[in-house]
Amino acid sequence: MLKINRIVVIAARFTQQGIRLSCKTSQECTSPFSNPKLIIPKVNLLIVREYAKGKDKKKDKGKTQVKFNESEIAEFVNVDSVKNQMQKAIDDLKNDFVKQLSLRSSAGAIDSLKVTFDGKDYTLQELAQIIRKNPKTLVVNMHVFPQAIPAVLTALKNSGMNLNPQQDGTTLYIPIPKVTREHRETLAKNAKSLFVKYRDAIKDVKNKEIKSLKKKKTASEDQLKVVEQQVATLTDSYILEAEKVYNSKTGELLGEKE
């Protein structure tokens, strides 16, 4: 619409010698309701198009989009492997959001809490029996693996769920904290840290793939440039997906989705 307006404005400035009106009859040309066909000299139309085109280029500068085409890089890159690694980063992000960023402490959330004990990773439910004593308290019975109590206490305190476990022999009592605004904001900050961690993991997949390809020297300079662009486009799509997961979780944590 903008281009048409410009043409009309410029056309209005032309002298009668530069404009020809095509009418079927003389009455049509003189009628105020006539709709004559406006014919503008070709050279002027070209100027308007070039001007608008130039402005569009300036507006869209740096926004050139490259569509991902797997066939262009399949010869040099194991696309399935790259996709799987990037998808794993997103899956791990989702899992960590569930495990580490729960607004309310629950037996279900604590069951899957990761505990590093004796050089290996376990879920808490593999080391203890977890029971909800009442709506405000969880009980963790460690009588089977009492030696793991220090590791469990550390995992609970670092869970991001605002937990403050109390030990009584081989039993841990966990008061379920109230959900405060401060706690929500802390969880949101933790969510951002996790997002950055896995966003960088996705970027690392891209960087390692390109670095490996350069070492092999199986692609020409032009081919390498195409591969870099295509892998970068693929990377951006996974980062965008991670951003969506992060934004959704942040909205949940801050109460924007409630």
Protein backbone atom coordinates (compact mmCIF):
# COMPACT_ATOMS: atom_id res chain seq x y z
CA MET A 1 0.00 0.00 0.00
CA LEU A 2 2.90 2.30 0.81
CA LYS A 3 4.40 1.87 -2.68
CA ILE A 4 1.06 2.67 -4.33
CA ASN A 5 0.71 5.86 -2.29
CA ARG A 6 4.15 6.97 -3.44
CA ILE A 7 3.23 6.36 -7.05
CA VAL A 8 0.06 8.41 -6.67
CA VAL A 9 1.92 11.30 -5.01
CA ILE A 10 4.60 11.35 -7.68
CA ALA A 11 1.98 11.01 -10.41
CA ALA A 12 0.15 14.04 -9.02
CA ARG A 13 3.28 16.10 -9.54
CA PHE A 14 3.55 15.31 -13.22
CA THR A 15 2.46 17.90 -15.76
CA GLN A 16 -0.37 17.12 -18.10
CA GLN A 17 2.23 16.46 -20.79
CA GLY A 18 3.66 13.62 -18.67
CA ILE A 19 0.31 11.93 -18.06
CA ARG A 20 -2.11 10.39 -20.52
CA LEU A 21 -5.71 9.59 -19.62
CA SER A 22 -7.31 6.73 -21.48
CA CYS A 23 -11.09 7.16 -21.73
CA LYS A 24 -13.62 5.40 -23.88
CA THR A 25 -15.58 8.63 -24.39
CA SER A 26 -15.06 12.32 -23.81
CA GLN A 27 -17.89 12.22 -21.27
CA GLU A 28 -15.99 9.72 -19.10
CA CYS A 29 -12.94 11.99 -18.96
CA THR A 30 -14.93 15.03 -17.87
CA SER A 31 -17.16 13.22 -15.37
CA PRO A 32 -16.12 13.62 -11.67
CA PHE A 33 -17.05 9.96 -11.15
CA SER A 34 -15.10 8.63 -14.06
CA ASN A 35 -12.34 6.10 -13.50
CA PRO A 36 -9.78 6.80 -16.23
CA LYS A 37 -6.74 4.62 -16.62
CA LEU A 38 -3.68 6.50 -15.36
CA ILE A 39 -0.58 5.91 -17.46
CA ILE A 40 2.70 7.11 -15.99
CA PRO A 41 5.92 7.21 -18.02
CA LYS A 42 7.88 3.99 -17.46
CA VAL A 43 11.07 5.70 -16.28
CA ASN A 44 9.28 7.24 -13.30
CA LEU A 45 7.76 3.91 -12.25
CA LEU A 46 11.19 2.33 -12.25
CA ILE A 47 12.55 5.04 -9.96
CA VAL A 48 9.77 4.47 -7.44
CA ARG A 49 10.35 0.70 -7.42
CA GLU A 50 14.07 1.05 -6.96
CA TYR A 51 13.57 3.52 -4.10
CA ALA A 52 11.12 1.29 -2.30
CA LYS A 53 13.30 -1.73 -2.95
CA GLY A 54 16.35 0.02 -1.57
CA LYS A 55 14.50 1.00 1.58
CA ASP A 56 13.25 -2.54 2.07
CA LYS A 57 16.80 -3.81 1.83
CA LYS A 58 17.95 -1.33 4.45
CA LYS A 59 15.09 -2.30 6.76
CA ASP A 60 15.81 -6.01 6.42
CA LYS A 61 19.57 -5.65 6.62
CA GLY A 62 21.09 -8.49 8.65
CA LYS A 63 17.83 -10.46 8.62
CA THR A 64 18.58 -12.77 5.72
CA GLN A 65 17.12 -16.14 6.59
CA VAL A 66 18.66 -19.44 5.62
CA LYS A 67 16.27 -22.38 5.46
CA PHE A 68 17.64 -25.66 6.75
CA ASN A 69 18.23 -28.19 3.98
CA GLU A 70 19.56 -31.48 5.26
CA SER A 71 20.55 -32.70 1.80
CA GLU A 72 23.06 -29.87 1.44
CA ILE A 73 25.18 -31.07 4.37
CA ALA A 74 24.44 -34.81 4.62
CA GLU A 75 27.69 -35.58 2.79
CA PHE A 76 29.78 -33.84 5.45
CA VAL A 77 27.74 -34.00 8.66
CA ASN A 78 25.97 -36.79 10.53
CA VAL A 79 22.75 -34.81 10.79
CA ASP A 80 20.93 -37.41 12.91
CA SER A 81 23.74 -37.41 15.44
CA VAL A 82 23.75 -33.61 15.63
CA LYS A 83 19.97 -33.51 16.05
CA ASN A 84 20.04 -36.19 18.74
CA GLN A 85 22.70 -34.35 20.74
CA MET A 86 20.82 -31.07 20.55
CA GLN A 87 17.52 -32.73 21.43
CA LYS A 88 19.18 -34.40 24.42
CA ALA A 89 20.16 -30.96 25.73
CA ILE A 90 16.51 -29.86 25.53
CA ASP A 91 15.31 -33.07 27.20
CA ASP A 92 17.87 -32.62 29.99
CA LEU A 93 16.72 -29.02 30.43
CA LYS A 94 13.11 -30.17 30.83
CA ASN A 95 14.11 -32.89 33.29
CA ASP A 96 16.17 -30.51 35.40
CA PHE A 97 13.31 -28.02 35.45
CA VAL A 98 11.04 -30.74 36.85
CA LYS A 99 13.56 -32.09 39.34
CA GLN A 100 15.15 -28.88 40.58
CA LEU A 101 12.54 -26.15 40.15
CA SER A 102 9.40 -27.33 41.85
CA LEU A 103 7.32 -24.63 43.56
CA ARG A 104 6.08 -27.05 46.17
CA SER A 105 8.12 -29.83 47.70
CA SER A 106 6.37 -33.13 47.20
CA ALA A 107 7.22 -36.77 47.58
CA GLY A 108 7.07 -37.07 43.80
CA ALA A 109 9.53 -34.21 43.23
CA ILE A 110 11.95 -35.44 45.87
CA ASP A 111 11.80 -39.07 44.69
CA SER A 112 13.76 -38.22 41.55
CA LEU A 113 16.23 -35.86 43.24
CA LYS A 114 19.76 -36.72 42.12
CA VAL A 115 22.17 -37.70 44.89
CA THR A 116 25.89 -38.17 44.25
CA PHE A 117 27.13 -40.86 46.61
CA ASP A 118 30.38 -42.80 46.55
CA GLY A 119 31.25 -41.45 43.11
CA LYS A 120 27.95 -42.47 41.51
CA ASP A 121 24.61 -40.77 40.87
CA TYR A 122 21.42 -42.13 42.39
CA THR A 123 17.86 -40.92 42.75
CA LEU A 124 16.83 -40.34 46.34
CA GLN A 125 14.20 -43.07 46.14
CA GLU A 126 16.99 -45.59 45.43
CA LEU A 127 18.61 -44.73 48.75
CA ALA A 128 15.66 -43.96 51.02
CA GLN A 129 11.99 -44.44 51.76
CA ILE A 130 10.02 -41.21 51.31
CA ILE A 131 6.72 -40.66 53.13
CA ARG A 132 4.39 -37.69 53.51
CA LYS A 133 3.79 -37.52 57.26
CA ASN A 134 1.27 -34.69 56.96
CA PRO A 135 0.51 -31.85 54.49
CA LYS A 136 3.42 -29.84 55.87
CA THR A 137 6.11 -32.49 56.42
CA LEU A 138 7.94 -35.15 54.42
CA VAL A 139 9.87 -37.97 56.08
CA VAL A 140 12.94 -39.55 54.49
CA ASN A 141 13.92 -42.86 56.09
CA MET A 142 17.64 -43.62 55.54
CA HIS A 143 17.94 -46.78 57.63
CA VAL A 144 19.02 -48.91 54.60
CA PHE A 145 21.86 -46.59 53.53
CA PRO A 146 22.75 -44.50 56.60
CA GLN A 147 26.22 -43.84 55.16
CA ALA A 148 24.57 -41.82 52.39
CA ILE A 149 22.94 -39.33 54.79
CA PRO A 150 25.57 -36.55 54.30
CA ALA A 151 25.21 -36.80 50.51
CA VAL A 152 21.40 -36.75 50.77
CA LEU A 153 21.44 -33.70 53.04
CA THR A 154 23.67 -31.88 50.54
CA ALA A 155 21.40 -32.80 47.63
CA LEU A 156 18.28 -31.63 49.50
CA LYS A 157 19.80 -28.28 50.47
CA ASN A 158 21.06 -27.69 46.92
CA SER A 159 17.85 -28.85 45.24
CA GLY A 160 16.56 -25.33 44.62
CA MET A 161 13.32 -26.24 46.41
CA ASN A 162 14.08 -24.15 49.49
CA LEU A 163 14.37 -27.25 51.69
CA ASN A 164 15.74 -27.29 55.23
CA PRO A 165 15.93 -30.97 56.31
CA GLN A 166 16.26 -31.86 60.00
CA GLN A 167 18.08 -35.06 60.97
CA ASP A 168 17.03 -37.42 63.77
CA GLY A 169 19.21 -40.51 63.64
CA THR A 170 18.64 -42.18 60.27
CA THR A 171 15.46 -40.19 59.65
CA LEU A 172 15.26 -36.85 57.90
CA TYR A 173 12.28 -34.54 58.42
CA ILE A 174 11.63 -32.02 55.67
CA PRO A 175 9.24 -29.13 56.39
CA ILE A 176 7.43 -28.09 53.22
CA PRO A 177 8.10 -24.35 52.81
CA LYS A 178 5.49 -21.78 51.88
CA VAL A 179 5.72 -20.41 48.37
CA THR A 180 6.92 -16.80 48.76
CA ARG A 181 7.62 -14.22 46.07
CA GLU A 182 11.29 -14.33 47.02
CA HIS A 183 11.33 -18.09 46.55
CA ARG A 184 9.66 -17.75 43.15
CA GLU A 185 12.27 -15.23 42.01
CA THR A 186 15.10 -17.46 43.23
CA LEU A 187 13.71 -20.36 41.24
CA ALA A 188 13.36 -18.13 38.17
CA LYS A 189 17.05 -17.20 38.46
CA ASN A 190 17.94 -20.88 38.74
CA ALA A 191 15.83 -21.54 35.65
CA LYS A 192 17.82 -18.98 33.70
CA SER A 193 21.10 -20.55 34.81
CA LEU A 194 19.92 -23.95 33.62
CA PHE A 195 18.72 -22.48 30.32
CA VAL A 196 22.10 -20.84 29.69
CA LYS A 197 23.84 -24.12 30.55
CA TYR A 198 21.89 -26.16 28.00
CA ARG A 199 21.79 -23.39 25.40
CA ASP A 200 25.59 -23.40 25.50
CA ALA A 201 25.54 -27.20 25.28
CA ILE A 202 23.58 -26.91 22.02
CA LYS A 203 26.08 -24.37 20.70
CA ASP A 204 28.94 -26.68 21.68
CA VAL A 205 27.49 -29.42 19.49
CA LYS A 206 27.59 -27.03 16.53
CA ASN A 207 31.11 -25.79 17.30
CA LYS A 208 32.52 -29.30 17.71
CA GLU A 209 30.94 -30.44 14.46
CA ILE A 210 32.38 -27.52 12.48
CA LYS A 211 35.78 -27.88 14.14
CA SER A 212 35.85 -31.58 13.30
CA LEU A 213 34.91 -30.89 9.67
CA LYS A 214 37.68 -28.31 9.31
CA LYS A 215 40.23 -30.80 10.61
CA LYS A 216 39.14 -33.46 8.12
CA LYS A 217 39.52 -31.01 5.22
CA THR A 218 37.00 -32.98 3.17
CA ALA A 219 34.99 -29.89 2.23
CA SER A 220 36.04 -27.00 0.03
CA GLU A 221 35.91 -23.46 1.36
CA ASP A 222 32.56 -22.82 -0.32
CA GLN A 223 31.14 -26.12 0.90
CA LEU A 224 32.35 -25.40 4.42
CA LYS A 225 30.60 -22.05 4.36
CA VAL A 226 27.33 -23.71 3.36
CA VAL A 227 27.71 -26.33 6.08
CA GLU A 228 28.38 -23.65 8.70
CA GLN A 229 25.27 -21.74 7.66
CA GLN A 230 23.10 -24.83 7.65
CA VAL A 231 24.34 -26.12 11.01
CA ALA A 232 23.92 -22.63 12.48
CA THR A 233 20.32 -22.58 11.23
CA LEU A 234 19.68 -25.99 12.78
CA THR A 235 21.28 -24.82 16.03
CA ASP A 236 19.08 -21.73 16.14
CA SER A 237 15.95 -23.86 15.83
CA TYR A 238 16.92 -25.93 18.88
CA ILE A 239 17.90 -22.86 20.88
CA LEU A 240 14.51 -21.37 20.04
CA GLU A 241 12.85 -24.53 21.36
CA ALA A 242 14.92 -24.28 24.56
CA GLU A 243 13.85 -20.64 24.93
CA LYS A 244 10.20 -21.67 24.68
CA VAL A 245 10.69 -24.25 27.45
CA TYR A 246 12.49 -21.65 29.58
CA ASN A 247 9.87 -18.94 29.06
CA SER A 248 7.08 -21.36 29.90
CA LYS A 249 8.81 -22.46 33.11
CA THR A 250 9.60 -18.88 34.14
CA GLY A 251 5.96 -17.93 33.68
CA GLU A 252 4.94 -20.87 35.86
CA LEU A 253 7.47 -20.05 38.58
CA LEU A 254 6.58 -16.36 38.76
CA GLY A 255 2.88 -17.08 38.83
CA GLU A 256 2.22 -15.56 35.42
CA LYS A 257 0.40 -18.68 34.25
CA GLU A 258 -1.75 -19.14 37.31
